[in-house]
Amino acid sequence: MMKLPLANLRLSVSDGRWPLGRPDASLAFRPIGKRQGSTGDAFTLLELILAVAVAAIVLAAVSAAFFTALHLQESTQDAVDAATPVDQALAVLRRDLECAVTPTNGTDKILSGDFRVGNLTSQGISRPVAIEMFTATGALSSDPSRPWGDIQRVTYELQTPSDRTAQGLDLVRSVTRNLLSTATPDVEDQWLLGGVQSIQFSCFDGTQWLDTWDTSDPTSSETNLPTAVRVEIQLAGNSASPIEMLVPIDSQSLSNATVSGSASVSGGVTGGLP
């Protein structure tokens, strides 16, 4: 094979021709300089470190906001769950008080019953009760074994919870529906609220609040329903103020009976009825 000397590969500048003919285009010479796609335009190490640091700060702020919102949602849900039984118990209490029937005042009036507040004993209930009233919050039942009507006797009292580890006492609503029974009546206990430390009822006679009220006592001056009833519930383990509810009593009995000649019975009409 004949070898050509390197001198023969010189490009003729004068006529612009190649000595051995035109070479292939792939062998064309390129000028020496910066190559395409070189790293001259890339980020430096310092810029990368700053970008990672900024991203970490943003992610930390987003994570903190997310976990704060999650904690707030859990706290709100716990508060709602804790308040729901209280709201339900207060709603039942309000309904009973607003529907309380007028007292008998020692007569044989129908659709009436006594109203008592204080540390009481009630028929068919072995434990002390805080309030006893006759209220019209019952409902007619289609059960033939329970033919009684709307008026029922309701008491509220605190009981020791079945769970001995639970804090506080249970607020229980006891209902007696068969008021015409000559035997010991059947009492139905309805659980309303747990974790109660104390419950107190106060009655307003128009001028002052009284801790006791008894329309069944012939010697008592309370011959009518109170103008309003205040309920205070103190939850166990809660140092805050007790939960308070004020319920106006609209149903008042009117009577022309008088005491000591001209003085009318409390809640009655002066001078009698025509």
C-alpha atoms as a PDB file:
ATOM      1  CA  MET A   1       0.000   0.000   0.000  1.00  0.00           C
ATOM      2  CA  MET A   2       1.349   3.345  -0.962  1.00  0.00           C
ATOM      3  CA  LYS A   3       1.658   5.799   1.865  1.00  0.00           C
ATOM      4  CA  LEU A   4       1.181   9.456   1.225  1.00  0.00           C
ATOM      5  CA  PRO A   5       3.323  11.879   3.051  1.00  0.00           C
ATOM      6  CA  LEU A   6       1.572  14.273   5.374  1.00  0.00           C
ATOM      7  CA  ALA A   7       2.906  17.132   3.319  1.00  0.00           C
ATOM      8  CA  ASN A   8       0.676  16.118   0.442  1.00  0.00           C
ATOM      9  CA  LEU A   9      -2.477  16.674   2.622  1.00  0.00           C
ATOM     10  CA  ARG A  10      -1.992  20.429   2.713  1.00  0.00           C
ATOM     11  CA  LEU A  11      -4.947  22.488   1.595  1.00  0.00           C
ATOM     12  CA  SER A  12      -4.186  24.643  -1.360  1.00  0.00           C
ATOM     13  CA  VAL A  13      -5.003  28.138  -0.266  1.00  0.00           C
ATOM     14  CA  SER A  14      -4.491  29.678  -3.639  1.00  0.00           C
ATOM     15  CA  ASP A  15      -7.141  27.762  -5.549  1.00  0.00           C
ATOM     16  CA  GLY A  16      -9.273  26.474  -2.601  1.00  0.00           C
ATOM     17  CA  ARG A  17      -9.090  22.878  -3.813  1.00  0.00           C
ATOM     18  CA  TRP A  18      -8.306  19.731  -1.854  1.00  0.00           C
ATOM     19  CA  PRO A  19      -5.363  17.811  -3.095  1.00  0.00           C
ATOM     20  CA  LEU A  20      -7.095  14.438  -2.940  1.00  0.00           C
ATOM     21  CA  GLY A  21     -10.579  15.554  -3.852  1.00  0.00           C
ATOM     22  CA  ARG A  22     -13.473  16.902  -1.718  1.00  0.00           C
ATOM     23  CA  PRO A  23     -13.639  15.079   1.621  1.00  0.00           C
ATOM     24  CA  ASP A  24     -16.794  13.696   3.172  1.00  0.00           C
ATOM     25  CA  ALA A  25     -18.991  16.301   4.943  1.00  0.00           C
ATOM     26  CA  SER A  26     -18.707  14.402   8.231  1.00  0.00           C
ATOM     27  CA  LEU A  27     -15.006  15.083   8.232  1.00  0.00           C
ATOM     28  CA  ALA A  28     -15.402  18.814   7.970  1.00  0.00           C
ATOM     29  CA  PHE A  29     -13.364  20.769  10.398  1.00  0.00           C
ATOM     30  CA  ARG A  30     -15.064  22.890  13.066  1.00  0.00           C
ATOM     31  CA  PRO A  31     -13.526  25.882  14.784  1.00  0.00           C
ATOM     32  CA  ILE A  32     -12.092  25.267  18.180  1.00  0.00           C
ATOM     33  CA  GLY A  33     -14.163  26.954  20.881  1.00  0.00           C
ATOM     34  CA  LYS A  34     -17.031  26.351  23.337  1.00  0.00           C
ATOM     35  CA  ARG A  35     -18.938  23.195  22.515  1.00  0.00           C
ATOM     36  CA  GLN A  36     -22.728  23.102  22.387  1.00  0.00           C
ATOM     37  CA  GLY A  37     -24.283  21.884  25.636  1.00  0.00           C
ATOM     38  CA  SER A  38     -21.210  22.679  27.637  1.00  0.00           C
ATOM     39  CA  THR A  39     -21.463  23.329  31.373  1.00  0.00           C
ATOM     40  CA  GLY A  40     -20.656  26.970  31.068  1.00  0.00           C
ATOM     41  CA  ASP A  41     -24.375  27.964  31.523  1.00  0.00           C
ATOM     42  CA  ALA A  42     -25.217  25.450  34.404  1.00  0.00           C
ATOM     43  CA  PHE A  43     -25.860  26.298  38.092  1.00  0.00           C
ATOM     44  CA  THR A  44     -22.934  26.527  40.380  1.00  0.00           C
ATOM     45  CA  LEU A  45     -22.679  24.484  43.571  1.00  0.00           C
ATOM     46  CA  LEU A  46     -23.454  27.561  45.675  1.00  0.00           C
ATOM     47  CA  GLU A  47     -26.640  28.211  43.710  1.00  0.00           C
ATOM     48  CA  LEU A  48     -27.758  24.609  44.171  1.00  0.00           C
ATOM     49  CA  ILE A  49     -27.160  24.805  47.921  1.00  0.00           C
ATOM     50  CA  LEU A  50     -29.172  28.046  48.148  1.00  0.00           C
ATOM     51  CA  ALA A  51     -32.049  26.522  46.134  1.00  0.00           C
ATOM     52  CA  VAL A  52     -32.173  23.439  48.369  1.00  0.00           C
ATOM     53  CA  ALA A  53     -32.117  25.639  51.480  1.00  0.00           C
ATOM     54  CA  VAL A  54     -35.012  27.809  50.228  1.00  0.00           C
ATOM     55  CA  ALA A  55     -37.018  24.714  49.299  1.00  0.00           C
ATOM     56  CA  ALA A  56     -36.419  23.242  52.760  1.00  0.00           C
ATOM     57  CA  ILE A  57     -37.601  26.455  54.442  1.00  0.00           C
ATOM     58  CA  VAL A  58     -40.774  26.537  52.322  1.00  0.00           C
ATOM     59  CA  LEU A  59     -41.513  22.867  53.016  1.00  0.00           C
ATOM     60  CA  ALA A  60     -40.976  23.396  56.751  1.00  0.00           C
ATOM     61  CA  ALA A  61     -43.411  26.334  56.756  1.00  0.00           C
ATOM     62  CA  VAL A  62     -46.025  24.350  54.806  1.00  0.00           C
ATOM     63  CA  SER A  63     -45.629  21.356  57.116  1.00  0.00           C
ATOM     64  CA  ALA A  64     -46.012  23.537  60.215  1.00  0.00           C
ATOM     65  CA  ALA A  65     -49.174  25.140  58.805  1.00  0.00           C
ATOM     66  CA  PHE A  66     -50.578  21.731  57.869  1.00  0.00           C
ATOM     67  CA  PHE A  67     -49.964  20.170  61.282  1.00  0.00           C
ATOM     68  CA  THR A  68     -51.329  23.286  63.016  1.00  0.00           C
ATOM     69  CA  ALA A  69     -54.527  23.054  60.965  1.00  0.00           C
ATOM     70  CA  LEU A  70     -54.768  19.333  61.696  1.00  0.00           C
ATOM     71  CA  HIS A  71     -54.364  19.930  65.435  1.00  0.00           C
ATOM     72  CA  LEU A  72     -56.976  22.700  65.321  1.00  0.00           C
ATOM     73  CA  GLN A  73     -59.395  20.392  63.514  1.00  0.00           C
ATOM     74  CA  GLU A  74     -58.908  17.674  66.135  1.00  0.00           C
ATOM     75  CA  SER A  75     -59.359  20.159  68.988  1.00  0.00           C
ATOM     76  CA  THR A  76     -62.530  21.536  67.398  1.00  0.00           C
ATOM     77  CA  GLN A  77     -63.906  18.038  66.882  1.00  0.00           C
ATOM     78  CA  ASP A  78     -63.176  17.147  70.518  1.00  0.00           C
ATOM     79  CA  ALA A  79     -64.927  20.323  71.669  1.00  0.00           C
ATOM     80  CA  VAL A  80     -67.961  19.575  69.505  1.00  0.00           C
ATOM     81  CA  ASP A  81     -68.091  15.976  70.733  1.00  0.00           C
ATOM     82  CA  ALA A  82     -67.902  17.163  74.335  1.00  0.00           C
ATOM     83  CA  ALA A  83     -70.540  19.866  73.851  1.00  0.00           C
ATOM     84  CA  THR A  84     -73.079  17.685  72.034  1.00  0.00           C
ATOM     85  CA  PRO A  85     -74.265  15.707  75.123  1.00  0.00           C
ATOM     86  CA  VAL A  86     -74.449  18.944  77.126  1.00  0.00           C
ATOM     87  CA  ASP A  87     -76.583  20.607  74.456  1.00  0.00           C
ATOM     88  CA  GLN A  88     -78.876  17.590  74.273  1.00  0.00           C
ATOM     89  CA  ALA A  89     -79.277  17.452  78.053  1.00  0.00           C
ATOM     90  CA  LEU A  90     -80.069  21.169  78.228  1.00  0.00           C
ATOM     91  CA  ALA A  91     -82.592  20.810  75.403  1.00  0.00           C
ATOM     92  CA  VAL A  92     -84.433  18.040  77.260  1.00  0.00           C
ATOM     93  CA  LEU A  93     -84.346  20.044  80.504  1.00  0.00           C
ATOM     94  CA  ARG A  94     -85.702  23.137  78.792  1.00  0.00           C
ATOM     95  CA  ARG A  95     -88.501  21.169  77.154  1.00  0.00           C
ATOM     96  CA  ASP A  96     -89.575  19.620  80.460  1.00  0.00           C
ATOM     97  CA  LEU A  97     -89.578  22.956  82.290  1.00  0.00           C
ATOM     98  CA  GLU A  98     -91.415  24.811  79.554  1.00  0.00           C
ATOM     99  CA  CYS A  99     -94.140  22.134  79.472  1.00  0.00           C
ATOM    100  CA  ALA A 100     -94.582  21.870  83.256  1.00  0.00           C
ATOM    101  CA  VAL A 101     -98.264  21.701  84.210  1.00  0.00           C
ATOM    102  CA  THR A 102     -99.791  23.856  86.915  1.00  0.00           C
ATOM    103  CA  PRO A 103     -99.922  22.477  90.467  1.00  0.00           C
ATOM    104  CA  THR A 104    -103.017  20.960  92.059  1.00  0.00           C
ATOM    105  CA  ASN A 105    -102.856  23.180  95.174  1.00  0.00           C
ATOM    106  CA  GLY A 106    -104.502  20.408  97.195  1.00  0.00           C
ATOM    107  CA  THR A 107    -107.445  20.075  94.805  1.00  0.00           C
ATOM    108  CA  ASP A 108    -108.578  17.329  92.450  1.00  0.00           C
ATOM    109  CA  LYS A 109    -107.743  19.245  89.286  1.00  0.00           C
ATOM    110  CA  ILE A 110    -106.920  17.138  86.283  1.00  0.00           C
ATOM    111  CA  LEU A 111    -103.963  17.696  83.954  1.00  0.00           C
ATOM    112  CA  SER A 112    -101.987  19.171  86.815  1.00  0.00           C
ATOM    113  CA  GLY A 113     -99.285  18.146  89.256  1.00  0.00           C
ATOM    114  CA  ASP A 114     -96.939  19.420  91.912  1.00  0.00           C
ATOM    115  CA  PHE A 115     -93.660  21.208  91.265  1.00  0.00           C
ATOM    116  CA  ARG A 116     -90.843  20.641  93.753  1.00  0.00           C
ATOM    117  CA  VAL A 117     -87.197  21.729  93.849  1.00  0.00           C
ATOM    118  CA  GLY A 118     -84.537  20.916  96.430  1.00  0.00           C
ATOM    119  CA  ASN A 119     -83.056  17.811  98.033  1.00  0.00           C
ATOM    120  CA  LEU A 120     -86.153  15.638  97.646  1.00  0.00           C
ATOM    121  CA  THR A 121     -87.381  12.081  97.813  1.00  0.00           C
ATOM    122  CA  SER A 122     -89.679  10.864  95.070  1.00  0.00           C
ATOM    123  CA  GLN A 123     -91.976   7.859  94.975  1.00  0.00           C
ATOM    124  CA  GLY A 124     -90.372   4.848  93.365  1.00  0.00           C
ATOM    125  CA  ILE A 125     -86.851   6.369  93.445  1.00  0.00           C
ATOM    126  CA  SER A 126     -84.473   5.377  96.204  1.00  0.00           C
ATOM    127  CA  ARG A 127     -81.942   8.157  95.704  1.00  0.00           C
ATOM    128  CA  PRO A 128     -82.435  11.906  96.327  1.00  0.00           C
ATOM    129  CA  VAL A 129     -83.637  13.978  93.382  1.00  0.00           C
ATOM    130  CA  ALA A 130     -82.937  17.617  92.574  1.00  0.00           C
ATOM    131  CA  ILE A 131     -86.312  18.416  91.004  1.00  0.00           C
ATOM    132  CA  GLU A 132     -89.684  16.731  90.584  1.00  0.00           C
ATOM    133  CA  MET A 133     -92.336  18.039  88.224  1.00  0.00           C
ATOM    134  CA  PHE A 134     -95.282  16.955  86.171  1.00  0.00           C
ATOM    135  CA  THR A 135     -94.767  17.837  82.551  1.00  0.00           C
ATOM    136  CA  ALA A 136     -96.522  17.295  79.247  1.00  0.00           C
ATOM    137  CA  THR A 137     -93.586  16.102  77.204  1.00  0.00           C
ATOM    138  CA  GLY A 138     -94.688  12.507  76.830  1.00  0.00           C
ATOM    139  CA  ALA A 139     -96.286  10.946  73.778  1.00  0.00           C
ATOM    140  CA  LEU A 140     -99.183   8.585  73.247  1.00  0.00           C
ATOM    141  CA  SER A 141     -97.954   5.074  72.761  1.00  0.00           C
ATOM    142  CA  SER A 142     -99.435   2.415  70.513  1.00  0.00           C
ATOM    143  CA  ASP A 143     -98.134  -0.235  72.878  1.00  0.00           C
ATOM    144  CA  PRO A 144    -101.216  -1.756  74.606  1.00  0.00           C
ATOM    145  CA  SER A 145     -99.188  -2.402  77.750  1.00  0.00           C
ATOM    146  CA  ARG A 146     -98.545   1.334  78.096  1.00  0.00           C
ATOM    147  CA  PRO A 147    -101.951   2.992  77.697  1.00  0.00           C
ATOM    148  CA  TRP A 148    -101.151   6.144  79.647  1.00  0.00           C
ATOM    149  CA  GLY A 149    -101.321   9.557  78.056  1.00  0.00           C
ATOM    150  CA  ASP A 150     -99.254  12.681  77.877  1.00  0.00           C
ATOM    151  CA  ILE A 151     -98.762  13.891  81.459  1.00  0.00           C
ATOM    152  CA  GLN A 152     -95.807  12.277  83.183  1.00  0.00           C
ATOM    153  CA  ARG A 153     -93.799  12.781  86.320  1.00  0.00           C
ATOM    154  CA  VAL A 154     -90.154  13.640  85.691  1.00  0.00           C
ATOM    155  CA  THR A 155     -87.259  13.876  88.134  1.00  0.00           C
ATOM    156  CA  TYR A 156     -83.608  14.726  87.660  1.00  0.00           C
ATOM    157  CA  GLU A 157     -80.895  13.285  89.876  1.00  0.00           C
ATOM    158  CA  LEU A 158     -77.214  12.327  89.915  1.00  0.00           C
ATOM    159  CA  GLN A 159     -76.161   8.696  89.993  1.00  0.00           C
ATOM    160  CA  THR A 160     -72.868   6.896  90.378  1.00  0.00           C
ATOM    161  CA  PRO A 161     -71.718   5.799  86.913  1.00  0.00           C
ATOM    162  CA  SER A 162     -71.475   2.123  86.104  1.00  0.00           C
ATOM    163  CA  ASP A 163     -67.890   2.708  85.043  1.00  0.00           C
ATOM    164  CA  ARG A 164     -66.071   3.213  88.331  1.00  0.00           C
ATOM    165  CA  THR A 165     -63.110   4.787  86.568  1.00  0.00           C
ATOM    166  CA  ALA A 166     -65.249   7.506  84.997  1.00  0.00           C
ATOM    167  CA  GLN A 167     -64.941  11.000  86.389  1.00  0.00           C
ATOM    168  CA  GLY A 168     -67.916  12.640  88.078  1.00  0.00           C
ATOM    169  CA  LEU A 169     -71.516  11.429  88.212  1.00  0.00           C
ATOM    170  CA  ASP A 170     -74.232  10.687  85.673  1.00  0.00           C
ATOM    171  CA  LEU A 171     -77.177  13.026  85.214  1.00  0.00           C
ATOM    172  CA  VAL A 172     -80.280  10.854  84.914  1.00  0.00           C
ATOM    173  CA  ARG A 173     -83.837  11.740  83.922  1.00  0.00           C
ATOM    174  CA  SER A 174     -86.355   9.432  85.615  1.00  0.00           C
ATOM    175  CA  VAL A 175     -89.819   9.209  84.058  1.00  0.00           C
ATOM    176  CA  THR A 176     -93.029   7.816  85.569  1.00  0.00           C
ATOM    177  CA  ARG A 177     -95.777   7.552  82.972  1.00  0.00           C
ATOM    178  CA  ASN A 178     -98.510   5.495  84.626  1.00  0.00           C
ATOM    179  CA  LEU A 179     -99.679   8.073  87.165  1.00  0.00           C
ATOM    180  CA  LEU A 180    -102.931   6.226  87.964  1.00  0.00           C
ATOM    181  CA  SER A 181    -101.245   3.102  89.265  1.00  0.00           C
ATOM    182  CA  THR A 182    -102.175   2.192  92.852  1.00  0.00           C
ATOM    183  CA  ALA A 183     -99.005   0.120  93.249  1.00  0.00           C
ATOM    184  CA  THR A 184     -95.434   1.313  93.181  1.00  0.00           C
ATOM    185  CA  PRO A 185     -95.054   2.945  89.781  1.00  0.00           C
ATOM    186  CA  ASP A 186     -92.542   1.793  87.225  1.00  0.00           C
ATOM    187  CA  VAL A 187     -89.775   4.348  86.799  1.00  0.00           C
ATOM    188  CA  GLU A 188     -87.737   4.535  83.613  1.00  0.00           C
ATOM    189  CA  ASP A 189     -84.228   5.966  83.928  1.00  0.00           C
ATOM    190  CA  GLN A 190     -82.822   7.867  80.963  1.00  0.00           C
ATOM    191  CA  TRP A 191     -79.115   8.732  80.886  1.00  0.00           C
ATOM    192  CA  LEU A 192     -78.509  12.319  79.803  1.00  0.00           C
ATOM    193  CA  LEU A 193     -74.970  13.381  80.661  1.00  0.00           C
ATOM    194  CA  GLY A 194     -71.828  12.001  82.261  1.00  0.00           C
ATOM    195  CA  GLY A 195     -68.997  13.659  84.139  1.00  0.00           C
ATOM    196  CA  VAL A 196     -71.230  15.924  86.223  1.00  0.00           C
ATOM    197  CA  GLN A 197     -70.046  17.194  89.575  1.00  0.00           C
ATOM    198  CA  SER A 198     -73.240  18.924  90.700  1.00  0.00           C
ATOM    199  CA  ILE A 199     -76.579  20.225  89.456  1.00  0.00           C
ATOM    200  CA  GLN A 200     -78.669  22.919  91.083  1.00  0.00           C
ATOM    201  CA  PHE A 201     -82.115  24.329  90.351  1.00  0.00           C
ATOM    202  CA  SER A 202     -83.199  27.790  91.513  1.00  0.00           C
ATOM    203  CA  CYS A 203     -86.709  29.219  91.248  1.00  0.00           C
ATOM    204  CA  PHE A 204     -87.633  32.869  90.753  1.00  0.00           C
ATOM    205  CA  ASP A 205     -90.797  34.027  92.507  1.00  0.00           C
ATOM    206  CA  GLY A 206     -90.825  37.451  90.902  1.00  0.00           C
ATOM    207  CA  THR A 207     -88.550  39.155  93.420  1.00  0.00           C
ATOM    208  CA  GLN A 208     -85.797  36.704  94.413  1.00  0.00           C
ATOM    209  CA  TRP A 209     -84.192  33.378  93.602  1.00  0.00           C
ATOM    210  CA  LEU A 210     -85.035  30.451  95.896  1.00  0.00           C
ATOM    211  CA  ASP A 211     -83.194  27.147  96.198  1.00  0.00           C
ATOM    212  CA  THR A 212     -86.337  25.285  97.279  1.00  0.00           C
ATOM    213  CA  TRP A 213     -89.882  25.182  95.917  1.00  0.00           C
ATOM    214  CA  ASP A 214     -92.724  22.906  96.955  1.00  0.00           C
ATOM    215  CA  THR A 215     -96.324  23.276  95.839  1.00  0.00           C
ATOM    216  CA  SER A 216     -97.342  20.000  97.526  1.00  0.00           C
ATOM    217  CA  ASP A 217     -96.871  21.373 101.050  1.00  0.00           C
ATOM    218  CA  PRO A 218    -100.165  22.861 102.330  1.00  0.00           C
ATOM    219  CA  THR A 219     -98.243  25.253 104.573  1.00  0.00           C
ATOM    220  CA  SER A 220     -95.934  26.456 101.795  1.00  0.00           C
ATOM    221  CA  SER A 221     -96.285  29.905 100.306  1.00  0.00           C
ATOM    222  CA  GLU A 222     -95.457  28.544  96.856  1.00  0.00           C
ATOM    223  CA  THR A 223     -98.878  27.719  95.438  1.00  0.00           C
ATOM    224  CA  ASN A 224     -98.017  28.267  91.807  1.00  0.00           C
ATOM    225  CA  LEU A 225     -95.227  27.589  89.346  1.00  0.00           C
ATOM    226  CA  PRO A 226     -92.159  29.830  89.598  1.00  0.00           C
ATOM    227  CA  THR A 227     -91.788  32.639  87.106  1.00  0.00           C
ATOM    228  CA  ALA A 228     -88.482  31.192  85.906  1.00  0.00           C
ATOM    229  CA  VAL A 229     -86.106  28.352  86.707  1.00  0.00           C
ATOM    230  CA  ARG A 230     -82.319  28.607  86.617  1.00  0.00           C
ATOM    231  CA  VAL A 231     -80.284  25.449  86.026  1.00  0.00           C
ATOM    232  CA  GLU A 232     -76.571  25.279  86.904  1.00  0.00           C
ATOM    233  CA  ILE A 233     -74.494  22.247  85.928  1.00  0.00           C
ATOM    234  CA  GLN A 234     -70.896  21.982  87.120  1.00  0.00           C
ATOM    235  CA  LEU A 235     -68.831  19.467  85.167  1.00  0.00           C
ATOM    236  CA  ALA A 236     -66.272  17.362  87.019  1.00  0.00           C
ATOM    237  CA  GLY A 237     -62.647  18.320  86.504  1.00  0.00           C
ATOM    238  CA  ASN A 238     -63.649  21.690  85.056  1.00  0.00           C
ATOM    239  CA  SER A 239     -62.658  24.720  87.097  1.00  0.00           C
ATOM    240  CA  ALA A 240     -64.553  27.073  84.798  1.00  0.00           C
ATOM    241  CA  SER A 241     -67.906  28.576  85.671  1.00  0.00           C
ATOM    242  CA  PRO A 242     -70.838  26.148  85.674  1.00  0.00           C
ATOM    243  CA  ILE A 243     -73.066  25.772  82.655  1.00  0.00           C
ATOM    244  CA  GLU A 244     -76.113  27.962  83.276  1.00  0.00           C
ATOM    245  CA  MET A 245     -79.525  27.961  81.619  1.00  0.00           C
ATOM    246  CA  LEU A 246     -82.490  30.220  82.393  1.00  0.00           C
ATOM    247  CA  VAL A 247     -85.962  28.958  81.467  1.00  0.00           C
ATOM    248  CA  PRO A 248     -89.040  31.227  81.763  1.00  0.00           C
ATOM    249  CA  ILE A 249     -92.210  29.441  82.907  1.00  0.00           C
ATOM    250  CA  ASP A 250     -95.233  30.762  81.031  1.00  0.00           C
ATOM    251  CA  SER A 251     -97.932  28.475  82.405  1.00  0.00           C
ATOM    252  CA  GLN A 252     -99.421  30.001  85.551  1.00  0.00           C
ATOM    253  CA  SER A 253    -102.623  28.840  87.219  1.00  0.00           C
ATOM    254  CA  LEU A 254    -105.336  31.430  87.792  1.00  0.00           C
ATOM    255  CA  SER A 255    -107.560  31.132  90.839  1.00  0.00           C
ATOM    256  CA  ASN A 256    -110.161  33.142  92.677  1.00  0.00           C
ATOM    257  CA  ALA A 257    -109.239  31.529  95.980  1.00  0.00           C
ATOM    258  CA  THR A 258    -108.170  34.043  98.598  1.00  0.00           C
ATOM    259  CA  VAL A 259    -106.025  33.855 101.673  1.00  0.00           C
ATOM    260  CA  SER A 260    -106.761  35.957 104.799  1.00  0.00           C
ATOM    261  CA  GLY A 261    -109.824  37.578 103.334  1.00  0.00           C
ATOM    262  CA  SER A 262    -108.695  40.001 100.627  1.00  0.00           C
ATOM    263  CA  ALA A 263    -105.226  38.673  99.839  1.00  0.00           C
ATOM    264  CA  SER A 264    -105.238  36.601  96.681  1.00  0.00           C
ATOM    265  CA  VAL A 265    -103.289  33.403  96.150  1.00  0.00           C
ATOM    266  CA  SER A 266     -99.906  33.933  94.555  1.00  0.00           C
ATOM    267  CA  GLY A 267    -100.372  33.969  90.821  1.00  0.00           C
ATOM    268  CA  GLY A 268    -104.137  34.387  91.184  1.00  0.00           C
ATOM    269  CA  VAL A 269    -106.489  37.205  90.299  1.00  0.00           C
ATOM    270  CA  THR A 270    -107.272  39.837  92.930  1.00  0.00           C
ATOM    271  CA  GLY A 271    -110.975  40.180  93.692  1.00  0.00           C
ATOM    272  CA  GLY A 272    -111.905  36.802  92.262  1.00  0.00           C
ATOM    273  CA  LEU A 273    -113.337  35.761  88.928  1.00  0.00           C
ATOM    274  CA  PRO A 274    -116.898  36.561  87.838  1.00  0.00           C
END
